[in-house]
């Protein structure tokens, strides 16, 4: 299992779900054209969130949004 989950929800909905499940976010980013990728601090938190939001999980490949500008690349 992974700590990362791709969800068909906007960032605010994901944050609310994480708070409700008493999880802690390590990273969160929007997906293109819709959805959110969230990485939780602990695998147990990710497992609990997966169970709670099973119907909203995006399976398969997704298009991620860069977290930092390309000009920062080395």
Protein backbone atom coordinates (compact mmCIF):
# COMPACT_ATOMS: atom_id res chain seq x y z
CA UNK A 1 0.00 0.00 0.00
CA UNK A 2 1.01 3.58 -0.60
CA UNK A 3 0.54 6.70 1.48
CA UNK A 4 -0.57 8.53 -1.70
CA UNK A 5 -4.21 8.56 -2.87
CA UNK A 6 -5.75 10.13 -5.99
CA UNK A 7 -9.30 11.27 -5.28
CA UNK A 8 -12.10 12.67 -7.43
CA UNK A 9 -12.64 15.53 -4.96
CA UNK A 10 -11.41 19.10 -4.77
CA UNK A 11 -8.66 20.08 -2.32
CA UNK A 12 -11.06 21.52 0.29
CA UNK A 13 -13.13 18.31 0.30
CA UNK A 14 -9.97 16.22 0.73
CA UNK A 15 -8.74 18.42 3.58
CA UNK A 16 -12.10 18.08 5.33
CA UNK A 17 -12.03 14.29 4.92
CA UNK A 18 -8.47 14.10 6.28
CA UNK A 19 -9.43 16.19 9.31
CA UNK A 20 -12.52 14.04 9.91
CA UNK A 21 -10.37 10.89 9.80
CA UNK A 22 -7.75 12.48 12.10
CA UNK A 23 -5.05 12.15 9.44
CA UNK A 24 -2.03 14.36 8.78
CA UNK A 25 -1.18 15.52 5.26
CA UNK A 26 2.39 15.23 4.01
CA UNK A 27 1.62 16.67 0.55
CA UNK A 28 -1.47 17.70 -1.40
CA UNK A 29 -1.80 18.83 -5.02
CA UNK A 30 -4.50 19.32 -7.64
CA UNK A 31 -4.73 16.89 -10.55
CA UNK A 32 -5.53 17.86 -14.13
CA UNK A 33 -8.32 18.14 -15.25
CA UNK A 34 -9.98 17.22 -11.94
CA UNK A 35 -9.22 15.61 -8.62
CA UNK A 36 -6.63 15.81 -5.87
CA UNK A 37 -3.57 13.79 -4.94
CA UNK A 38 -2.95 13.56 -1.22
CA UNK A 39 -0.06 11.91 0.63
CA UNK A 40 -0.63 11.15 4.29
CA UNK A 41 2.08 10.89 6.95
CA UNK A 42 1.26 7.32 7.99
CA UNK A 43 0.14 4.28 6.02
CA UNK A 44 -2.58 3.61 8.61
CA UNK A 45 -4.07 7.05 7.94
CA UNK A 46 -4.04 6.41 4.18
CA UNK A 47 -5.72 3.04 4.67
CA UNK A 48 -8.48 4.60 6.79
CA UNK A 49 -9.03 7.38 4.23
CA UNK A 50 -9.19 4.84 1.39
CA UNK A 51 -11.93 2.95 3.23
CA UNK A 52 -13.88 6.13 3.95
CA UNK A 53 -13.63 7.49 0.38
CA UNK A 54 -13.61 4.22 -1.59
CA UNK A 55 -16.10 5.49 -4.18
CA UNK A 56 -14.03 8.63 -4.87
CA UNK A 57 -10.66 6.94 -5.55
CA UNK A 58 -9.29 7.52 -9.06
CA UNK A 59 -7.82 4.30 -10.46
CA UNK A 60 -5.30 4.38 -13.27
CA UNK A 61 -2.95 7.07 -14.53
CA UNK A 62 -3.48 10.74 -13.65
CA UNK A 63 -1.90 14.01 -14.81
CA UNK A 64 -0.09 15.63 -11.91
CA UNK A 65 0.52 19.35 -11.49
CA UNK A 66 4.13 20.41 -10.76
CA UNK A 67 4.66 21.45 -7.13
CA UNK A 68 7.41 23.90 -8.07
CA UNK A 69 8.31 25.87 -11.20
CA UNK A 70 10.33 24.07 -13.89
CA UNK A 71 12.98 26.79 -13.56
CA UNK A 72 13.93 25.26 -10.18
CA UNK A 73 14.96 22.00 -11.84
CA UNK A 74 18.66 21.19 -11.74
